[in-house]
Amino acid sequence: MVMERESLTAVLRRAAEDLGYVFYIGSESLLAAKVTVLPAVWLTVPVLKRVSGRRERRDTYAVRLRLMMAGVPDDAGSREVWRILEDDAAALYGAVRACERVRSVRGLKVSPETKPLTPRGETAVAAEFEAEMFYCD
């Protein structure tokens, strides 16, 4: 049986790699130490928020991503990098929406990070949304 968290992670990994990002997953406390290559997408392990459905189980996961590219947020070009990162966050959201095991995706929120998340000094955004998955055996 494939857990829906694994299906969701696989969709995000493929989509991030298709956009040219190195994909990482783990606890946010490990982000600074684990991200070694940019551009990168960091997926905090999705959190199961809700299980619903009487006959057909549906799992709702909270998804939190960090998208990062080289460059310090105070640089003049950071606005353009933030725009690119926001567009790519929307593309990842769209990839999840297109997945056949996804019932709905809602609440995309993308916000720029005001300081680098790693010692490499990158520009980053945080993206959050919820994904409701059909539970398939």
Foldseek 3Di string as FASTA:
>chain_A
DDDVLVVLVVLLCVLCVVVPAHEAEEALVCVQVPDDDPQHKYKYRWDFDDWDDDPWIKTKTKTKMKTKHQDACVDPCNVVVLVVQVVSLVSSQVSLVPDPFWPDKDDWDKDWDNGDSYPRRITMIMIIIMTIGTDDD
